[in-house]
Amino acid sequence: MLTPDEPIGESAPLLRALAEQHCSPECRDYHAFWQYFRLVGLISTIATDNDFLVNSIKKLADTGKHNRVLISATADYGMLARVIHAFRLANRVPQITVLDICETPLAINRWYAERHG
């Protein structure tokens, strides 16, 4: 199965609370409502390219040469979910670093990572 677990309904209120706590005025609304937009299908997101991304990442993971992964400028945990899922399909364990200028997406990525290893 190529689709990773993404508990969007559960994470939407959490991301909104994190945005209120951590975001600057410039990104607060963007982060606060991102998961809600995904939940109702209002925006096109990384999920649109899910199969391509998971297959491509899995091919790299299968080689055993690409265990270090950098994810930058993330709105939520969408890319992290795909990386974890693809590496699990390849029976490999990645070393993942997530970078962003805002603490909100970092916090939601930590939340997701704690749930999914």
PDB file of N, CA and C in Angstrom:
ATOM      1  N   MET A   1       0.844  -1.184   0.000  1.00  0.00           N
ATOM      2  CA  MET A   1       0.000   0.000   0.000  1.00  0.00           C
ATOM      3  C   MET A   1       0.887   1.244   0.000  1.00  0.00           C
ATOM      4  N   LEU A   2       0.607   2.168  -0.896  1.00  0.00           N
ATOM      5  CA  LEU A   2       1.469   3.335  -1.050  1.00  0.00           C
ATOM      6  C   LEU A   2       1.060   4.542  -0.213  1.00  0.00           C
ATOM      7  N   THR A   3      -0.107   4.505   0.402  1.00  0.00           N
ATOM      8  CA  THR A   3      -0.580   5.683   1.119  1.00  0.00           C
ATOM      9  C   THR A   3      -0.178   5.628   2.593  1.00  0.00           C
ATOM     10  N   PRO A   4       0.561   6.625   3.063  1.00  0.00           N
ATOM     11  CA  PRO A   4       0.962   6.649   4.469  1.00  0.00           C
ATOM     12  C   PRO A   4      -0.197   7.063   5.371  1.00  0.00           C
ATOM     13  N   ASP A   5      -0.055   6.741   6.635  1.00  0.00           N
ATOM     14  CA  ASP A   5      -1.034   7.155   7.631  1.00  0.00           C
ATOM     15  C   ASP A   5      -0.899   8.660   7.876  1.00  0.00           C
ATOM     16  N   GLU A   6      -1.977   9.387   7.639  1.00  0.00           N
ATOM     17  CA  GLU A   6      -1.995  10.828   7.921  1.00  0.00           C
ATOM     18  C   GLU A   6      -3.268  11.156   8.696  1.00  0.00           C
ATOM     19  N   PRO A   7      -3.179  11.276  10.000  1.00  0.00           N
ATOM     20  CA  PRO A   7      -4.357  11.562  10.816  1.00  0.00           C
ATOM     21  C   PRO A   7      -4.744  13.049  10.755  1.00  0.00           C
ATOM     22  N   ILE A   8      -5.168  13.478   9.590  1.00  0.00           N
ATOM     23  CA  ILE A   8      -5.433  14.907   9.366  1.00  0.00           C
ATOM     24  C   ILE A   8      -6.538  15.429  10.281  1.00  0.00           C
ATOM     25  N   GLY A   9      -7.589  14.643  10.457  1.00  0.00           N
ATOM     26  CA  GLY A   9      -8.671  15.078  11.342  1.00  0.00           C
ATOM     27  C   GLY A   9      -8.206  15.293  12.768  1.00  0.00           C
ATOM     28  N   GLU A  10      -7.301  14.465  13.223  1.00  0.00           N
ATOM     29  CA  GLU A  10      -6.757  14.588  14.572  1.00  0.00           C
ATOM     30  C   GLU A  10      -5.730  15.712  14.667  1.00  0.00           C
ATOM     31  N   SER A  11      -4.953  15.893  13.616  1.00  0.00           N
ATOM     32  CA  SER A  11      -3.879  16.889  13.684  1.00  0.00           C
ATOM     33  C   SER A  11      -4.336  18.309  13.363  1.00  0.00           C
ATOM     34  N   ALA A  12      -5.487  18.462  12.708  1.00  0.00           N
ATOM     35  CA  ALA A  12      -5.956  19.807  12.337  1.00  0.00           C
ATOM     36  C   ALA A  12      -6.111  20.726  13.559  1.00  0.00           C
ATOM     37  N   PRO A  13      -6.833  20.311  14.599  1.00  0.00           N
ATOM     38  CA  PRO A  13      -6.942  21.212  15.757  1.00  0.00           C
ATOM     39  C   PRO A  13      -5.613  21.408  16.481  1.00  0.00           C
ATOM     40  N   LEU A  14      -4.764  20.388  16.448  1.00  0.00           N
ATOM     41  CA  LEU A  14      -3.445  20.520  17.075  1.00  0.00           C
ATOM     42  C   LEU A  14      -2.589  21.532  16.331  1.00  0.00           C
ATOM     43  N   LEU A  15      -2.570  21.447  14.998  1.00  0.00           N
ATOM     44  CA  LEU A  15      -1.783  22.397  14.220  1.00  0.00           C
ATOM     45  C   LEU A  15      -2.301  23.820  14.415  1.00  0.00           C
ATOM     46  N   ARG A  16      -3.610  23.960  14.511  1.00  0.00           N
ATOM     47  CA  ARG A  16      -4.169  25.301  14.745  1.00  0.00           C
ATOM     48  C   ARG A  16      -3.707  25.846  16.098  1.00  0.00           C
ATOM     49  N   ALA A  17      -3.732  25.014  17.124  1.00  0.00           N
ATOM     50  CA  ALA A  17      -3.272  25.458  18.452  1.00  0.00           C
ATOM     51  C   ALA A  17      -1.780  25.781  18.443  1.00  0.00           C
ATOM     52  N   LEU A  18      -0.996  24.956  17.759  1.00  0.00           N
ATOM     53  CA  LEU A  18       0.438  25.221  17.657  1.00  0.00           C
ATOM     54  C   LEU A  18       0.713  26.536  16.939  1.00  0.00           C
ATOM     55  N   ALA A  19      -0.068  26.817  15.894  1.00  0.00           N
ATOM     56  CA  ALA A  19       0.102  28.075  15.155  1.00  0.00           C
ATOM     57  C   ALA A  19      -0.176  29.279  16.050  1.00  0.00           C
ATOM     58  N   GLU A  20      -1.203  29.179  16.857  1.00  0.00           N
ATOM     59  CA  GLU A  20      -1.525  30.278  17.779  1.00  0.00           C
ATOM     60  C   GLU A  20      -0.406  30.487  18.786  1.00  0.00           C
ATOM     61  N   GLN A  21       0.261  29.414  19.150  1.00  0.00           N
ATOM     62  CA  GLN A  21       1.325  29.470  20.151  1.00  0.00           C
ATOM     63  C   GLN A  21       2.663  29.918  19.569  1.00  0.00           C
ATOM     64  N   HIS A  22       2.998  29.464  18.353  1.00  0.00           N
ATOM     65  CA  HIS A  22       4.357  29.637  17.847  1.00  0.00           C
ATOM     66  C   HIS A  22       4.527  30.595  16.666  1.00  0.00           C
ATOM     67  N   CYS A  23       3.505  30.768  15.859  1.00  0.00           N
ATOM     68  CA  CYS A  23       3.673  31.498  14.596  1.00  0.00           C
ATOM     69  C   CYS A  23       3.781  33.004  14.777  1.00  0.00           C
ATOM     70  N   SER A  24       4.470  33.600  13.829  1.00  0.00           N
ATOM     71  CA  SER A  24       4.450  35.057  13.712  1.00  0.00           C
ATOM     72  C   SER A  24       3.166  35.422  12.970  1.00  0.00           C
ATOM     73  N   PRO A  25       2.788  36.677  12.981  1.00  0.00           N
ATOM     74  CA  PRO A  25       1.575  37.072  12.249  1.00  0.00           C
ATOM     75  C   PRO A  25       1.625  36.736  10.759  1.00  0.00           C
ATOM     76  N   GLU A  26       2.820  36.679  10.200  1.00  0.00           N
ATOM     77  CA  GLU A  26       2.957  36.427   8.758  1.00  0.00           C
ATOM     78  C   GLU A  26       2.531  35.017   8.354  1.00  0.00           C
ATOM     79  N   CYS A  27       2.694  34.041   9.230  1.00  0.00           N
ATOM     80  CA  CYS A  27       2.381  32.659   8.832  1.00  0.00           C
ATOM     81  C   CYS A  27       1.294  32.007   9.682  1.00  0.00           C
ATOM     82  N   ARG A  28       0.762  32.718  10.656  1.00  0.00           N
ATOM     83  CA  ARG A  28      -0.200  32.117  11.589  1.00  0.00           C
ATOM     84  C   ARG A  28      -1.423  31.533  10.885  1.00  0.00           C
ATOM     85  N   ASP A  29      -2.077  32.294  10.047  1.00  0.00           N
ATOM     86  CA  ASP A  29      -3.283  31.790   9.382  1.00  0.00           C
ATOM     87  C   ASP A  29      -2.969  30.629   8.449  1.00  0.00           C
ATOM     88  N   TYR A  30      -1.861  30.727   7.743  1.00  0.00           N
ATOM     89  CA  TYR A  30      -1.431  29.661   6.834  1.00  0.00           C
ATOM     90  C   TYR A  30      -1.293  28.341   7.589  1.00  0.00           C
ATOM     91  N   HIS A  31      -0.545  28.353   8.675  1.00  0.00           N
ATOM     92  CA  HIS A  31      -0.335  27.121   9.436  1.00  0.00           C
ATOM     93  C   HIS A  31      -1.589  26.702  10.202  1.00  0.00           C
ATOM     94  N   ALA A  32      -2.316  27.651  10.733  1.00  0.00           N
ATOM     95  CA  ALA A  32      -3.492  27.325  11.545  1.00  0.00           C
ATOM     96  C   ALA A  32      -4.573  26.587  10.756  1.00  0.00           C
ATOM     97  N   PHE A  33      -4.726  26.925   9.495  1.00  0.00           N
ATOM     98  CA  PHE A  33      -5.823  26.352   8.722  1.00  0.00           C
ATOM     99  C   PHE A  33      -5.394  25.349   7.661  1.00  0.00           C
ATOM    100  N   TRP A  34      -4.097  25.091   7.522  1.00  0.00           N
ATOM    101  CA  TRP A  34      -3.575  24.196   6.490  1.00  0.00           C
ATOM    102  C   TRP A  34      -4.234  22.816   6.522  1.00  0.00           C
ATOM    103  N   GLN A  35      -4.275  22.178   7.681  1.00  0.00           N
ATOM    104  CA  GLN A  35      -4.851  20.841   7.768  1.00  0.00           C
ATOM    105  C   GLN A  35      -6.352  20.854   7.488  1.00  0.00           C
ATOM    106  N   TYR A  36      -7.028  21.911   7.875  1.00  0.00           N
ATOM    107  CA  TYR A  36      -8.463  22.004   7.574  1.00  0.00           C
ATOM    108  C   TYR A  36      -8.676  22.105   6.063  1.00  0.00           C
ATOM    109  N   PHE A  37      -7.827  22.869   5.388  1.00  0.00           N
ATOM    110  CA  PHE A  37      -7.918  22.969   3.926  1.00  0.00           C
ATOM    111  C   PHE A  37      -7.692  21.604   3.289  1.00  0.00           C
ATOM    112  N   ARG A  38      -6.722  20.847   3.807  1.00  0.00           N
ATOM    113  CA  ARG A  38      -6.474  19.493   3.294  1.00  0.00           C
ATOM    114  C   ARG A  38      -7.661  18.588   3.578  1.00  0.00           C
ATOM    115  N   LEU A  39      -8.216  18.707   4.751  1.00  0.00           N
ATOM    116  CA  LEU A  39      -9.316  17.844   5.176  1.00  0.00           C
ATOM    117  C   LEU A  39     -10.528  17.964   4.259  1.00  0.00           C
ATOM    118  N   VAL A  40     -10.829  19.172   3.828  1.00  0.00           N
ATOM    119  CA  VAL A  40     -12.007  19.381   2.966  1.00  0.00           C
ATOM    120  C   VAL A  40     -11.654  19.398   1.484  1.00  0.00           C
ATOM    121  N   GLY A  41     -10.392  19.179   1.159  1.00  0.00           N
ATOM    122  CA  GLY A  41      -9.979  19.130  -0.246  1.00  0.00           C
ATOM    123  C   GLY A  41      -9.957  20.470  -0.936  1.00  0.00           C
ATOM    124  N   LEU A  42      -9.780  21.525  -0.169  1.00  0.00           N
ATOM    125  CA  LEU A  42      -9.793  22.877  -0.720  1.00  0.00           C
ATOM    126  C   LEU A  42      -8.511  23.215  -1.475  1.00  0.00           C
ATOM    127  N   ILE A  43      -7.419  22.559  -1.113  1.00  0.00           N
ATOM    128  CA  ILE A  43      -6.131  22.854  -1.750  1.00  0.00           C
ATOM    129  C   ILE A  43      -5.501  21.574  -2.279  1.00  0.00           C
ATOM    130  N   SER A  44      -4.650  21.741  -3.259  1.00  0.00           N
ATOM    131  CA  SER A  44      -3.858  20.636  -3.780  1.00  0.00           C
ATOM    132  C   SER A  44      -2.587  20.565  -2.941  1.00  0.00           C
ATOM    133  N   THR A  45      -2.250  19.366  -2.479  1.00  0.00           N
ATOM    134  CA  THR A  45      -1.083  19.217  -1.608  1.00  0.00           C
ATOM    135  C   THR A  45      -0.189  18.093  -2.106  1.00  0.00           C
ATOM    136  N   ILE A  46       0.756  17.764  -1.290  1.00  0.00           N
ATOM    137  CA  ILE A  46       1.699  16.695  -1.590  1.00  0.00           C
ATOM    138  C   ILE A  46       0.989  15.374  -1.866  1.00  0.00           C
ATOM    139  N   ALA A  47      -0.189  15.185  -1.304  1.00  0.00           N
ATOM    140  CA  ALA A  47      -0.938  13.947  -1.513  1.00  0.00           C
ATOM    141  C   ALA A  47      -1.251  13.719  -2.993  1.00  0.00           C
ATOM    142  N   THR A  48      -1.304  14.784  -3.761  1.00  0.00           N
ATOM    143  CA  THR A  48      -1.557  14.675  -5.203  1.00  0.00           C
ATOM    144  C   THR A  48      -0.485  13.835  -5.882  1.00  0.00           C
ATOM    145  N   ASP A  49       0.750  13.920  -5.394  1.00  0.00           N
ATOM    146  CA  ASP A  49       1.881  13.198  -5.974  1.00  0.00           C
ATOM    147  C   ASP A  49       2.313  12.017  -5.113  1.00  0.00           C
ATOM    148  N   ASN A  50       1.405  11.517  -4.305  1.00  0.00           N
ATOM    149  CA  ASN A  50       1.741  10.474  -3.345  1.00  0.00           C
ATOM    150  C   ASN A  50       2.446   9.273  -3.970  1.00  0.00           C
ATOM    151  N   ASP A  51       1.853   8.658  -4.970  1.00  0.00           N
ATOM    152  CA  ASP A  51       2.431   7.441  -5.539  1.00  0.00           C
ATOM    153  C   ASP A  51       3.826   7.692  -6.109  1.00  0.00           C
ATOM    154  N   PHE A  52       3.973   8.798  -6.821  1.00  0.00           N
ATOM    155  CA  PHE A  52       5.287   9.146  -7.383  1.00  0.00           C
ATOM    156  C   PHE A  52       6.319   9.311  -6.274  1.00  0.00           C
ATOM    157  N   LEU A  53       5.965  10.062  -5.233  1.00  0.00           N
ATOM    158  CA  LEU A  53       6.910  10.327  -4.147  1.00  0.00           C
ATOM    159  C   LEU A  53       7.284   9.056  -3.397  1.00  0.00           C
ATOM    160  N   VAL A  54       6.290   8.281  -3.003  1.00  0.00           N
ATOM    161  CA  VAL A  54       6.576   7.063  -2.240  1.00  0.00           C
ATOM    162  C   VAL A  54       7.411   6.098  -3.077  1.00  0.00           C
ATOM    163  N   ASN A  55       7.056   5.908  -4.339  1.00  0.00           N
ATOM    164  CA  ASN A  55       7.837   5.014  -5.209  1.00  0.00           C
ATOM    165  C   ASN A  55       9.264   5.510  -5.397  1.00  0.00           C
ATOM    166  N   SER A  56       9.431   6.793  -5.617  1.00  0.00           N
ATOM    167  CA  SER A  56      10.773   7.358  -5.825  1.00  0.00           C
ATOM    168  C   SER A  56      11.630   7.252  -4.574  1.00  0.00           C
ATOM    169  N   ILE A  57      11.046   7.568  -3.431  1.00  0.00           N
ATOM    170  CA  ILE A  57      11.792   7.487  -2.174  1.00  0.00           C
ATOM    171  C   ILE A  57      12.126   6.033  -1.852  1.00  0.00           C
ATOM    172  N   LYS A  58      11.185   5.141  -2.090  1.00  0.00           N
ATOM    173  CA  LYS A  58      11.432   3.718  -1.837  1.00  0.00           C
ATOM    174  C   LYS A  58      12.572   3.190  -2.704  1.00  0.00           C
ATOM    175  N   LYS A  59      12.618   3.585  -3.966  1.00  0.00           N
ATOM    176  CA  LYS A  59      13.714   3.147  -4.850  1.00  0.00           C
ATOM    177  C   LYS A  59      15.065   3.571  -4.288  1.00  0.00           C
ATOM    178  N   LEU A  60      15.135   4.781  -3.778  1.00  0.00           N
ATOM    179  CA  LEU A  60      16.384   5.245  -3.172  1.00  0.00           C
ATOM    180  C   LEU A  60      16.677   4.482  -1.885  1.00  0.00           C
ATOM    181  N   ALA A  61      15.656   4.248  -1.093  1.00  0.00           N
ATOM    182  CA  ALA A  61      15.846   3.503   0.159  1.00  0.00           C
ATOM    183  C   ALA A  61      16.284   2.075  -0.115  1.00  0.00           C
ATOM    184  N   ASP A  62      15.737   1.471  -1.154  1.00  0.00           N
ATOM    185  CA  ASP A  62      16.087   0.088  -1.504  1.00  0.00           C
ATOM    186  C   ASP A  62      17.580  -0.095  -1.763  1.00  0.00           C
ATOM    187  N   THR A  63      18.249   0.938  -2.234  1.00  0.00           N
ATOM    188  CA  THR A  63      19.681   0.818  -2.538  1.00  0.00           C
ATOM    189  C   THR A  63      20.526   0.697  -1.279  1.00  0.00           C
ATOM    190  N   GLY A  64      19.998   1.169  -0.149  1.00  0.00           N
ATOM    191  CA  GLY A  64      20.763   1.162   1.091  1.00  0.00           C
ATOM    192  C   GLY A  64      21.810   2.251   1.164  1.00  0.00           C
ATOM    193  N   LYS A  65      21.881   3.089   0.147  1.00  0.00           N
ATOM    194  CA  LYS A  65      22.898   4.152   0.089  1.00  0.00           C
ATOM    195  C   LYS A  65      22.361   5.521   0.498  1.00  0.00           C
ATOM    196  N   HIS A  66      21.068   5.621   0.689  1.00  0.00           N
ATOM    197  CA  HIS A  66      20.448   6.935   0.911  1.00  0.00           C
ATOM    198  C   HIS A  66      19.576   6.903   2.164  1.00  0.00           C
ATOM    199  N   ASN A  67      20.196   6.800   3.322  1.00  0.00           N
ATOM    200  CA  ASN A  67      19.436   6.739   4.570  1.00  0.00           C
ATOM    201  C   ASN A  67      19.248   8.103   5.223  1.00  0.00           C
ATOM    202  N   ARG A  68      20.040   9.092   4.816  1.00  0.00           N
ATOM    203  CA  ARG A  68      19.919  10.425   5.394  1.00  0.00           C
ATOM    204  C   ARG A  68      18.986  11.262   4.528  1.00  0.00           C
ATOM    205  N   VAL A  69      17.966  11.848   5.180  1.00  0.00           N
ATOM    206  CA  VAL A  69      16.937  12.602   4.457  1.00  0.00           C
ATOM    207  C   VAL A  69      16.788  13.976   5.092  1.00  0.00           C
ATOM    208  N   LEU A  70      16.773  15.006   4.262  1.00  0.00           N
ATOM    209  CA  LEU A  70      16.526  16.376   4.707  1.00  0.00           C
ATOM    210  C   LEU A  70      15.194  16.831   4.131  1.00  0.00           C
ATOM    211  N   ILE A  71      14.312  17.276   5.007  1.00  0.00           N
ATOM    212  CA  ILE A  71      13.026  17.842   4.601  1.00  0.00           C
ATOM    213  C   ILE A  71      13.054  19.302   5.021  1.00  0.00           C
ATOM    214  N   SER A  72      12.860  20.198   4.066  1.00  0.00           N
ATOM    215  CA  SER A  72      12.907  21.627   4.404  1.00  0.00           C
ATOM    216  C   SER A  72      11.638  22.330   3.957  1.00  0.00           C
ATOM    217  N   ALA A  73      11.311  23.400   4.663  1.00  0.00           N
ATOM    218  CA  ALA A  73      10.160  24.249   4.335  1.00  0.00           C
ATOM    219  C   ALA A  73       8.877  23.435   4.229  1.00  0.00           C
ATOM    220  N   THR A  74       8.465  22.872   5.353  1.00  0.00           N
ATOM    221  CA  THR A  74       7.296  22.003   5.382  1.00  0.00           C
ATOM    222  C   THR A  74       6.128  22.687   6.072  1.00  0.00           C
ATOM    223  N   ALA A  75       4.946  22.576   5.502  1.00  0.00           N
ATOM    224  CA  ALA A  75       3.756  23.158   6.121  1.00  0.00           C
ATOM    225  C   ALA A  75       3.207  22.234   7.206  1.00  0.00           C
ATOM    226  N   ASP A  76       3.407  20.936   7.013  1.00  0.00           N
ATOM    227  CA  ASP A  76       2.919  19.936   7.952  1.00  0.00           C
ATOM    228  C   ASP A  76       3.819  18.704   7.862  1.00  0.00           C
ATOM    229  N   TYR A  77       3.314  17.557   8.244  1.00  0.00           N
ATOM    230  CA  TYR A  77       4.105  16.329   8.259  1.00  0.00           C
ATOM    231  C   TYR A  77       3.923  15.494   6.993  1.00  0.00           C
ATOM    232  N   GLY A  78       3.353  16.042   5.948  1.00  0.00           N
ATOM    233  CA  GLY A  78       3.068  15.281   4.734  1.00  0.00           C
ATOM    234  C   GLY A  78       4.281  14.607   4.123  1.00  0.00           C
ATOM    235  N   MET A  79       5.370  15.327   3.974  1.00  0.00           N
ATOM    236  CA  MET A  79       6.573  14.721   3.394  1.00  0.00           C
ATOM    237  C   MET A  79       7.194  13.722   4.370  1.00  0.00           C
ATOM    238  N   LEU A  80       7.203  14.051   5.641  1.00  0.00           N
ATOM    239  CA  LEU A  80       7.718  13.127   6.642  1.00  0.00           C
ATOM    240  C   LEU A  80       6.953  11.807   6.584  1.00  0.00           C
ATOM    241  N   ALA A  81       5.643  11.877   6.461  1.00  0.00           N
ATOM    242  CA  ALA A  81       4.821  10.666   6.382  1.00  0.00           C
ATOM    243  C   ALA A  81       5.228   9.810   5.193  1.00  0.00           C
ATOM    244  N   ARG A  82       5.488  10.438   4.060  1.00  0.00           N
ATOM    245  CA  ARG A  82       5.861   9.693   2.863  1.00  0.00           C
ATOM    246  C   ARG A  82       7.256   9.094   2.978  1.00  0.00           C
ATOM    247  N   VAL A  83       8.173   9.821   3.576  1.00  0.00           N
ATOM    248  CA  VAL A  83       9.531   9.298   3.765  1.00  0.00           C
ATOM    249  C   VAL A  83       9.496   8.093   4.705  1.00  0.00           C
ATOM    250  N   ILE A  84       8.848   8.228   5.842  1.00  0.00           N
ATOM    251  CA  ILE A  84       8.762   7.114   6.789  1.00  0.00           C
ATOM    252  C   ILE A  84       8.105   5.908   6.125  1.00  0.00           C
ATOM    253  N   HIS A  85       7.009   6.142   5.431  1.00  0.00           N
ATOM    254  CA  HIS A  85       6.271   5.055   4.784  1.00  0.00           C
ATOM    255  C   HIS A  85       7.123   4.354   3.728  1.00  0.00           C
ATOM    256  N   ALA A  86       7.787   5.116   2.885  1.00  0.00           N
ATOM    257  CA  ALA A  86       8.607   4.533   1.818  1.00  0.00           C
ATOM    258  C   ALA A  86       9.765   3.724   2.398  1.00  0.00           C
ATOM    259  N   PHE A  87      10.395   4.244   3.438  1.00  0.00           N
ATOM    260  CA  PHE A  87      11.500   3.510   4.049  1.00  0.00           C
ATOM    261  C   PHE A  87      11.007   2.237   4.723  1.00  0.00           C
ATOM    262  N   ARG A  88       9.827   2.269   5.313  1.00  0.00           N
ATOM    263  CA  ARG A  88       9.265   1.046   5.906  1.00  0.00           C
ATOM    264  C   ARG A  88       8.972   0.009   4.829  1.00  0.00           C
ATOM    265  N   LEU A  89       8.455   0.455   3.702  1.00  0.00           N
ATOM    266  CA  LEU A  89       8.209  -0.476   2.594  1.00  0.00           C
ATOM    267  C   LEU A  89       9.513  -1.126   2.125  1.00  0.00           C
ATOM    268  N   ALA A  90      10.609  -0.393   2.250  1.00  0.00           N
ATOM    269  CA  ALA A  90      11.928  -0.903   1.849  1.00  0.00           C
ATOM    270  C   ALA A  90      12.640  -1.623   3.001  1.00  0.00           C
ATOM    271  N   ASN A  91      11.971  -1.734   4.142  1.00  0.00           N
ATOM    272  CA  ASN A  91      12.574  -2.354   5.341  1.00  0.00           C
ATOM    273  C   ASN A  91      13.878  -1.673   5.736  1.00  0.00           C
ATOM    274  N   ARG A  92      13.873  -0.354   5.683  1.00  0.00           N
ATOM    275  CA  ARG A  92      15.048   0.445   6.041  1.00  0.00           C
ATOM    276  C   ARG A  92      14.618   1.487   7.076  1.00  0.00           C
ATOM    277  N   VAL A  93      15.607   2.015   7.781  1.00  0.00           N
ATOM    278  CA  VAL A  93      15.352   3.051   8.785  1.00  0.00           C
ATOM    279  C   VAL A  93      16.091   4.317   8.368  1.00  0.00           C
ATOM    280  N   PRO A  94      15.365   5.394   8.091  1.00  0.00           N
ATOM    281  CA  PRO A  94      16.025   6.634   7.676  1.00  0.00           C
ATOM    282  C   PRO A  94      16.498   7.460   8.862  1.00  0.00           C
ATOM    283  N   GLN A  95      17.446   8.334   8.595  1.00  0.00           N
ATOM    284  CA  GLN A  95      17.851   9.382   9.526  1.00  0.00           C
ATOM    285  C   GLN A  95      17.290  10.671   8.948  1.00  0.00           C
ATOM    286  N   ILE A  96      16.280  11.231   9.593  1.00  0.00           N
ATOM    287  CA  ILE A  96      15.540  12.349   9.016  1.00  0.00           C
ATOM    288  C   ILE A  96      15.811  13.626   9.797  1.00  0.00           C
ATOM    289  N   THR A  97      16.063  14.707   9.064  1.00  0.00           N
ATOM    290  CA  THR A  97      16.174  16.045   9.630  1.00  0.00           C
ATOM    291  C   THR A  97      15.120  16.910   8.960  1.00  0.00           C
ATOM    292  N   VAL A  98      14.354  17.640   9.766  1.00  0.00           N
ATOM    293  CA  VAL A  98      13.342  18.557   9.240  1.00  0.00           C
ATOM    294  C   VAL A  98      13.753  19.969   9.629  1.00  0.00           C
ATOM    295  N   LEU A  99      13.790  20.852   8.642  1.00  0.00           N
ATOM    296  CA  LEU A  99      14.153  22.259   8.877  1.00  0.00           C
ATOM    297  C   LEU A  99      13.015  23.171   8.443  1.00  0.00           C
ATOM    298  N   ASP A 100      12.795  24.215   9.197  1.00  0.00           N
ATOM    299  CA  ASP A 100      11.819  25.242   8.834  1.00  0.00           C
ATOM    300  C   ASP A 100      12.142  26.487   9.645  1.00  0.00           C
ATOM    301  N   ILE A 101      11.725  27.640   9.179  1.00  0.00           N
ATOM    302  CA  ILE A 101      11.978  28.869   9.930  1.00  0.00           C
ATOM    303  C   ILE A 101      10.932  29.103  11.015  1.00  0.00           C
ATOM    304  N   CYS A 102       9.840  28.351  10.973  1.00  0.00           N
ATOM    305  CA  CYS A 102       8.768  28.498  11.962  1.00  0.00           C
ATOM    306  C   CYS A 102       8.720  27.251  12.846  1.00  0.00           C
ATOM    307  N   GLU A 103       8.488  27.443  14.108  1.00  0.00           N
ATOM    308  CA  GLU A 103       8.411  26.332  15.059  1.00  0.00           C
ATOM    309  C   GLU A 103       7.162  25.478  14.860  1.00  0.00           C
ATOM    310  N   THR A 104       6.092  26.023  14.313  1.00  0.00           N
ATOM    311  CA  THR A 104       4.838  25.268  14.175  1.00  0.00           C
ATOM    312  C   THR A 104       4.998  24.003  13.335  1.00  0.00           C
ATOM    313  N   PRO A 105       5.527  24.076  12.104  1.00  0.00           N
ATOM    314  CA  PRO A 105       5.684  22.830  11.357  1.00  0.00           C
ATOM    315  C   PRO A 105       6.703  21.881  11.993  1.00  0.00           C
ATOM    316  N   LEU A 106       7.687  22.420  12.680  1.00  0.00           N
ATOM    317  CA  LEU A 106       8.636  21.555  13.380  1.00  0.00           C
ATOM    318  C   LEU A 106       7.930  20.789  14.494  1.00  0.00           C
ATOM    319  N   ALA A 107       7.053  21.464  15.212  1.00  0.00           N
ATOM    320  CA  ALA A 107       6.321  20.824  16.306  1.00  0.00           C
ATOM    321  C   ALA A 107       5.367  19.750  15.787  1.00  0.00           C
ATOM    322  N   ILE A 108       4.679  19.999  14.681  1.00  0.00           N
ATOM    323  CA  ILE A 108       3.753  18.994  14.154  1.00  0.00           C
ATOM    324  C   ILE A 108       4.525  17.817  13.562  1.00  0.00           C
ATOM    325  N   ASN A 109       5.712  18.059  13.034  1.00  0.00           N
ATOM    326  CA  ASN A 109       6.549  16.964  12.561  1.00  0.00           C
ATOM    327  C   ASN A 109       7.059  16.122  13.734  1.00  0.00           C
ATOM    328  N   ARG A 110       7.414  16.756  14.845  1.00  0.00           N
ATOM    329  CA  ARG A 110       7.818  16.002  16.038  1.00  0.00           C
ATOM    330  C   ARG A 110       6.664  15.136  16.537  1.00  0.00           C
ATOM    331  N   TRP A 111       5.456  15.720  16.550  1.00  0.00           N
ATOM    332  CA  TRP A 111       4.263  14.993  16.982  1.00  0.00           C
ATOM    333  C   TRP A 111       4.069  13.759  16.093  1.00  0.00           C
ATOM    334  N   TYR A 112       4.169  13.931  14.791  1.00  0.00           N
ATOM    335  CA  TYR A 112       3.991  12.817  13.876  1.00  0.00           C
ATOM    336  C   TYR A 112       5.102  11.775  14.055  1.00  0.00           C
ATOM    337  N   ALA A 113       6.333  12.220  14.180  1.00  0.00           N
ATOM    338  CA  ALA A 113       7.466  11.309  14.341  1.00  0.00           C
ATOM    339  C   ALA A 113       7.333  10.478  15.618  1.00  0.00           C
ATOM    340  N   GLU A 114       6.865  11.084  16.689  1.00  0.00           N
ATOM    341  CA  GLU A 114       6.680  10.349  17.926  1.00  0.00           C
ATOM    342  C   GLU A 114       5.626   9.261  17.767  1.00  0.00           C
ATOM    343  N   ARG A 115       4.623   9.517  16.976  1.00  0.00           N
ATOM    344  CA  ARG A 115       3.564   8.533  16.728  1.00  0.00           C
ATOM    345  C   ARG A 115       4.000   7.419  15.780  1.00  0.00           C
ATOM    346  N   HIS A 116       4.922   7.740  14.873  1.00  0.00           N
ATOM    347  CA  HIS A 116       5.261   6.804  13.804  1.00  0.00           C
ATOM    348  C   HIS A 116       6.734   6.427  13.751  1.00  0.00           C
ATOM    349  N   GLY A 117       7.443   6.712  14.801  1.00  0.00           N
ATOM    350  CA  GLY A 117       8.827   6.261  14.892  1.00  0.00           C
ATOM    351  C   GLY A 117       9.797   7.046  14.096  1.00  0.00           C
TER     352      GLY A 117
END
